[in-house]
Amino acid sequence: MLTLRGKIFRSRKNVPYQLELIYLPYYFFKILVKNKKGETREFCGAIDAIVGNFSLMDYPLLEPGEINQIEFKPKLSIEEAKSALLKGARWFLYQRSLPVRERYQLIEVGEGELVFYPFWVGYYRNKARALEFLGLDAINKVLQGGEGRKVFIFAFAESRFYPEKSKDNQSPLE
């Protein structure tokens, strides 16, 4: 059973017994911000299309490719993702402005693009013998925890544990 409360990185003695490469749906947006001096910066904002979490990313080095079968379908439309992005980006800019006393203002958000982003997932059993997993960003090689872990759990729950539920929901891809 997958759990939300796992202490992910406390013990590295657990060696995954299975690894798989999965692709989760994300909407990528180009974000343009400006500070008081008039300097502008461009970022890539990402919203996962399952839960709606905001993250700021370097421009990913993704290459167009074919995915044989889309296992994890987006639950959010591009409009919902853009709304979540605006809220998340404004909050992020506000938080980052406080310590450096330099205000950034969100100027423009570009058109969103649906991307299936790769992650490695390793499965192992914890000390209580419950099934746990670690998620690793396949491009930036960053372990996923907290909000990222929640995305995996919701994606797995809908597509693997309750597949009949995901068939009922309409996807923007169909």
C-alpha atoms as a PDB file:
ATOM      1  CA  MET A   1       0.000   0.000   0.000  1.00  0.00           C
ATOM      2  CA  LEU A   2       1.356   3.440  -0.888  1.00  0.00           C
ATOM      3  CA  THR A   3       1.475   5.867   1.994  1.00  0.00           C
ATOM      4  CA  LEU A   4       1.625   9.657   2.162  1.00  0.00           C
ATOM      5  CA  ARG A   5       3.454   9.860   5.444  1.00  0.00           C
ATOM      6  CA  GLY A   6       6.584   7.872   4.555  1.00  0.00           C
ATOM      7  CA  LYS A   7       9.892   9.173   5.835  1.00  0.00           C
ATOM      8  CA  ILE A   8      11.381   9.222   2.394  1.00  0.00           C
ATOM      9  CA  PHE A   9      15.069   9.885   2.866  1.00  0.00           C
ATOM     10  CA  ARG A  10      15.751   8.875   6.453  1.00  0.00           C
ATOM     11  CA  SER A  11      17.230   5.509   5.507  1.00  0.00           C
ATOM     12  CA  ARG A  12      19.028   4.865   2.269  1.00  0.00           C
ATOM     13  CA  LYS A  13      19.540   1.187   3.085  1.00  0.00           C
ATOM     14  CA  ASN A  14      16.419   0.324   1.124  1.00  0.00           C
ATOM     15  CA  VAL A  15      17.333  -0.672  -2.390  1.00  0.00           C
ATOM     16  CA  PRO A  16      14.455  -0.479  -4.863  1.00  0.00           C
ATOM     17  CA  TYR A  17      13.361  -3.882  -6.106  1.00  0.00           C
ATOM     18  CA  GLN A  18      11.708  -2.384  -9.187  1.00  0.00           C
ATOM     19  CA  LEU A  19      12.350   0.716 -11.300  1.00  0.00           C
ATOM     20  CA  GLU A  20      10.149   2.178 -13.993  1.00  0.00           C
ATOM     21  CA  LEU A  21      10.133   5.249 -16.190  1.00  0.00           C
ATOM     22  CA  ILE A  22       6.811   7.082 -16.143  1.00  0.00           C
ATOM     23  CA  TYR A  23       5.578  10.230 -17.870  1.00  0.00           C
ATOM     24  CA  LEU A  24       3.379  12.644 -15.925  1.00  0.00           C
ATOM     25  CA  PRO A  25       1.367  15.380 -17.650  1.00  0.00           C
ATOM     26  CA  TYR A  26       2.534  18.959 -17.052  1.00  0.00           C
ATOM     27  CA  TYR A  27       1.598  22.281 -18.562  1.00  0.00           C
ATOM     28  CA  PHE A  28       4.622  24.490 -19.244  1.00  0.00           C
ATOM     29  CA  PHE A  29       4.225  28.260 -19.482  1.00  0.00           C
ATOM     30  CA  LYS A  30       6.711  30.989 -20.289  1.00  0.00           C
ATOM     31  CA  ILE A  31       6.652  33.627 -17.513  1.00  0.00           C
ATOM     32  CA  LEU A  32       8.009  37.160 -17.833  1.00  0.00           C
ATOM     33  CA  VAL A  33       8.700  39.187 -14.647  1.00  0.00           C
ATOM     34  CA  LYS A  34      10.050  42.695 -14.039  1.00  0.00           C
ATOM     35  CA  ASN A  35      11.710  44.304 -11.013  1.00  0.00           C
ATOM     36  CA  LYS A  36      11.597  47.969  -9.884  1.00  0.00           C
ATOM     37  CA  LYS A  37      14.685  48.793 -11.955  1.00  0.00           C
ATOM     38  CA  GLY A  38      12.854  47.704 -15.089  1.00  0.00           C
ATOM     39  CA  GLU A  39      14.969  44.581 -15.621  1.00  0.00           C
ATOM     40  CA  THR A  40      12.981  41.689 -17.009  1.00  0.00           C
ATOM     41  CA  ARG A  41      13.618  37.979 -16.537  1.00  0.00           C
ATOM     42  CA  GLU A  42      12.073  34.989 -18.221  1.00  0.00           C
ATOM     43  CA  PHE A  43      11.248  31.728 -16.459  1.00  0.00           C
ATOM     44  CA  CYS A  44       9.506  28.477 -17.221  1.00  0.00           C
ATOM     45  CA  GLY A  45       6.572  27.805 -14.917  1.00  0.00           C
ATOM     46  CA  ALA A  46       5.130  24.312 -14.713  1.00  0.00           C
ATOM     47  CA  ILE A  47       1.794  23.105 -13.379  1.00  0.00           C
ATOM     48  CA  ASP A  48       1.243  19.398 -12.994  1.00  0.00           C
ATOM     49  CA  ALA A  49      -1.959  18.450 -14.762  1.00  0.00           C
ATOM     50  CA  ILE A  50      -3.081  16.048 -12.035  1.00  0.00           C
ATOM     51  CA  VAL A  51      -3.124  18.055  -8.786  1.00  0.00           C
ATOM     52  CA  GLY A  52      -2.233  21.559  -9.995  1.00  0.00           C
ATOM     53  CA  ASN A  53       1.031  22.185  -8.109  1.00  0.00           C
ATOM     54  CA  PHE A  54       3.221  25.066  -9.280  1.00  0.00           C
ATOM     55  CA  SER A  55       6.951  24.724  -9.820  1.00  0.00           C
ATOM     56  CA  LEU A  56       9.549  26.919 -11.417  1.00  0.00           C
ATOM     57  CA  MET A  57      11.881  25.089 -13.764  1.00  0.00           C
ATOM     58  CA  ASP A  58      14.869  25.674 -15.946  1.00  0.00           C
ATOM     59  CA  TYR A  59      13.897  25.340 -19.541  1.00  0.00           C
ATOM     60  CA  PRO A  60      13.755  21.584 -19.858  1.00  0.00           C
ATOM     61  CA  LEU A  61      15.918  19.823 -22.357  1.00  0.00           C
ATOM     62  CA  LEU A  62      13.045  17.821 -23.724  1.00  0.00           C
ATOM     63  CA  GLU A  63      13.111  16.281 -27.126  1.00  0.00           C
ATOM     64  CA  PRO A  64       9.919  15.485 -28.989  1.00  0.00           C
ATOM     65  CA  GLY A  65       9.239  11.796 -28.855  1.00  0.00           C
ATOM     66  CA  GLU A  66       6.559   9.179 -28.981  1.00  0.00           C
ATOM     67  CA  ILE A  67       4.962   7.634 -25.919  1.00  0.00           C
ATOM     68  CA  ASN A  68       3.436   4.260 -26.719  1.00  0.00           C
ATOM     69  CA  GLN A  69       0.570   4.550 -24.290  1.00  0.00           C
ATOM     70  CA  ILE A  70      -0.446   7.511 -22.142  1.00  0.00           C
ATOM     71  CA  GLU A  71      -1.076   6.016 -18.721  1.00  0.00           C
ATOM     72  CA  PHE A  72      -1.564   9.224 -16.732  1.00  0.00           C
ATOM     73  CA  LYS A  73      -4.089  11.536 -18.311  1.00  0.00           C
ATOM     74  CA  PRO A  74      -4.400  15.218 -17.393  1.00  0.00           C
ATOM     75  CA  LYS A  75      -7.193  16.055 -14.960  1.00  0.00           C
ATOM     76  CA  LEU A  76      -6.837  19.832 -15.355  1.00  0.00           C
ATOM     77  CA  SER A  77      -7.670  21.778 -18.484  1.00  0.00           C
ATOM     78  CA  ILE A  78      -5.217  24.363 -19.772  1.00  0.00           C
ATOM     79  CA  GLU A  79      -7.445  27.168 -18.411  1.00  0.00           C
ATOM     80  CA  GLU A  80      -7.434  25.624 -14.924  1.00  0.00           C
ATOM     81  CA  ALA A  81      -3.666  25.174 -15.160  1.00  0.00           C
ATOM     82  CA  LYS A  82      -3.151  28.812 -16.185  1.00  0.00           C
ATOM     83  CA  SER A  83      -5.267  29.970 -13.237  1.00  0.00           C
ATOM     84  CA  ALA A  84      -3.210  27.776 -10.861  1.00  0.00           C
ATOM     85  CA  LEU A  85      -0.018  29.108 -12.455  1.00  0.00           C
ATOM     86  CA  LEU A  86      -1.023  32.750 -11.902  1.00  0.00           C
ATOM     87  CA  LYS A  87      -1.808  32.075  -8.254  1.00  0.00           C
ATOM     88  CA  GLY A  88       1.356  30.029  -7.678  1.00  0.00           C
ATOM     89  CA  ALA A  89       3.659  32.447  -9.544  1.00  0.00           C
ATOM     90  CA  ARG A  90       2.363  35.501  -7.681  1.00  0.00           C
ATOM     91  CA  TRP A  91       2.808  33.775  -4.332  1.00  0.00           C
ATOM     92  CA  PHE A  92       6.297  32.581  -5.315  1.00  0.00           C
ATOM     93  CA  LEU A  93       7.342  36.095  -6.398  1.00  0.00           C
ATOM     94  CA  TYR A  94       5.966  37.584  -3.178  1.00  0.00           C
ATOM     95  CA  GLN A  95       7.873  35.057  -1.033  1.00  0.00           C
ATOM     96  CA  ARG A  96      11.126  35.606  -2.943  1.00  0.00           C
ATOM     97  CA  SER A  97      10.790  39.402  -2.802  1.00  0.00           C
ATOM     98  CA  LEU A  98      10.680  39.629   1.016  1.00  0.00           C
ATOM     99  CA  PRO A  99      14.228  38.512   1.937  1.00  0.00           C
ATOM    100  CA  VAL A 100      15.994  40.445  -0.849  1.00  0.00           C
ATOM    101  CA  ARG A 101      13.738  43.507  -0.625  1.00  0.00           C
ATOM    102  CA  GLU A 102      13.394  43.565  -4.367  1.00  0.00           C
ATOM    103  CA  ARG A 103       9.899  43.305  -5.736  1.00  0.00           C
ATOM    104  CA  TYR A 104       9.186  41.399  -8.877  1.00  0.00           C
ATOM    105  CA  GLN A 105       6.009  41.898 -10.827  1.00  0.00           C
ATOM    106  CA  LEU A 106       4.431  39.312 -13.094  1.00  0.00           C
ATOM    107  CA  ILE A 107       4.168  40.916 -16.536  1.00  0.00           C
ATOM    108  CA  GLU A 108       3.151  38.181 -18.918  1.00  0.00           C
ATOM    109  CA  VAL A 109       2.267  34.513 -19.034  1.00  0.00           C
ATOM    110  CA  GLY A 110       2.682  32.806 -22.391  1.00  0.00           C
ATOM    111  CA  GLU A 111       0.553  30.114 -23.943  1.00  0.00           C
ATOM    112  CA  GLY A 112       0.660  26.784 -22.175  1.00  0.00           C
ATOM    113  CA  GLU A 113       1.908  23.571 -23.684  1.00  0.00           C
ATOM    114  CA  LEU A 114       1.030  20.066 -22.499  1.00  0.00           C
ATOM    115  CA  VAL A 115       4.188  18.030 -21.960  1.00  0.00           C
ATOM    116  CA  PHE A 116       4.593  14.510 -20.623  1.00  0.00           C
ATOM    117  CA  TYR A 117       7.558  14.878 -18.282  1.00  0.00           C
ATOM    118  CA  PRO A 118       9.712  11.815 -17.423  1.00  0.00           C
ATOM    119  CA  PHE A 119      10.306  10.521 -13.896  1.00  0.00           C
ATOM    120  CA  TRP A 120      12.057   7.424 -12.599  1.00  0.00           C
ATOM    121  CA  VAL A 121      10.128   5.652  -9.844  1.00  0.00           C
ATOM    122  CA  GLY A 122      11.791   3.105  -7.568  1.00  0.00           C
ATOM    123  CA  TYR A 123       9.679   0.832  -5.383  1.00  0.00           C
ATOM    124  CA  TYR A 124      10.857  -0.669  -2.081  1.00  0.00           C
ATOM    125  CA  ARG A 125       9.504  -1.954   1.223  1.00  0.00           C
ATOM    126  CA  ASN A 126      10.039   0.138   4.345  1.00  0.00           C
ATOM    127  CA  LYS A 127      10.789  -1.203   7.846  1.00  0.00           C
ATOM    128  CA  ALA A 128       7.076  -1.827   8.428  1.00  0.00           C
ATOM    129  CA  ARG A 129       7.028  -3.837   5.150  1.00  0.00           C
ATOM    130  CA  ALA A 130       4.676  -1.299   3.516  1.00  0.00           C
ATOM    131  CA  LEU A 131       5.267  -0.541  -0.156  1.00  0.00           C
ATOM    132  CA  GLU A 132       6.995   2.821  -0.637  1.00  0.00           C
ATOM    133  CA  PHE A 133       8.487   4.623  -3.588  1.00  0.00           C
ATOM    134  CA  LEU A 134      10.971   7.314  -4.518  1.00  0.00           C
ATOM    135  CA  GLY A 135      10.420   9.592  -7.501  1.00  0.00           C
ATOM    136  CA  LEU A 136      13.369  11.058  -9.391  1.00  0.00           C
ATOM    137  CA  ASP A 137      13.142  13.753 -12.056  1.00  0.00           C
ATOM    138  CA  ALA A 138      14.647  11.989 -15.082  1.00  0.00           C
ATOM    139  CA  ILE A 139      16.012  15.216 -16.599  1.00  0.00           C
ATOM    140  CA  ASN A 140      17.211  17.320 -13.650  1.00  0.00           C
ATOM    141  CA  LYS A 141      17.984  14.298 -11.415  1.00  0.00           C
ATOM    142  CA  VAL A 142      16.177  15.779  -8.395  1.00  0.00           C
ATOM    143  CA  LEU A 143      14.416  13.533  -5.868  1.00  0.00           C
ATOM    144  CA  GLN A 144      10.728  14.342  -5.513  1.00  0.00           C
ATOM    145  CA  GLY A 145       9.239  14.835  -2.073  1.00  0.00           C
ATOM    146  CA  GLY A 146       6.390  16.725  -0.457  1.00  0.00           C
ATOM    147  CA  GLU A 147       4.062  18.127  -3.097  1.00  0.00           C
ATOM    148  CA  GLY A 148       5.763  16.153  -5.881  1.00  0.00           C
ATOM    149  CA  ARG A 149       5.151  12.919  -4.006  1.00  0.00           C
ATOM    150  CA  LYS A 150       1.469  13.817  -3.708  1.00  0.00           C
ATOM    151  CA  VAL A 151       1.238  14.068  -7.512  1.00  0.00           C
ATOM    152  CA  PHE A 152       2.600  10.523  -7.873  1.00  0.00           C
ATOM    153  CA  ILE A 153       0.131   9.145  -5.331  1.00  0.00           C
ATOM    154  CA  PHE A 154      -2.880  10.789  -6.984  1.00  0.00           C
ATOM    155  CA  ALA A 155      -1.700   9.651 -10.431  1.00  0.00           C
ATOM    156  CA  PHE A 156      -1.149   6.063  -9.282  1.00  0.00           C
ATOM    157  CA  ALA A 157      -4.444   5.967  -7.391  1.00  0.00           C
ATOM    158  CA  GLU A 158      -6.472   7.048 -10.385  1.00  0.00           C
ATOM    159  CA  SER A 159      -4.811   5.052 -13.143  1.00  0.00           C
ATOM    160  CA  ARG A 160      -3.636   1.890 -11.383  1.00  0.00           C
ATOM    161  CA  PHE A 161      -5.810   1.322  -8.335  1.00  0.00           C
ATOM    162  CA  TYR A 162      -9.105   2.629  -9.735  1.00  0.00           C
ATOM    163  CA  PRO A 163      -8.783   2.329 -13.530  1.00  0.00           C
ATOM    164  CA  GLU A 164     -12.556   2.248 -14.020  1.00  0.00           C
ATOM    165  CA  LYS A 165     -12.763   5.729 -12.452  1.00  0.00           C
ATOM    166  CA  SER A 166     -10.213   7.187 -14.875  1.00  0.00           C
ATOM    167  CA  LYS A 167     -12.119   5.746 -17.856  1.00  0.00           C
ATOM    168  CA  ASP A 168     -15.204   7.686 -16.785  1.00  0.00           C
ATOM    169  CA  ASN A 169     -13.386  11.014 -16.684  1.00  0.00           C
ATOM    170  CA  GLN A 170     -12.943  12.809 -19.968  1.00  0.00           C
ATOM    171  CA  SER A 171      -9.390  13.836 -20.799  1.00  0.00           C
ATOM    172  CA  PRO A 172      -8.414  16.951 -22.779  1.00  0.00           C
ATOM    173  CA  LEU A 173      -6.453  14.564 -25.034  1.00  0.00           C
ATOM    174  CA  GLU A 174      -9.481  12.666 -26.221  1.00  0.00           C
END
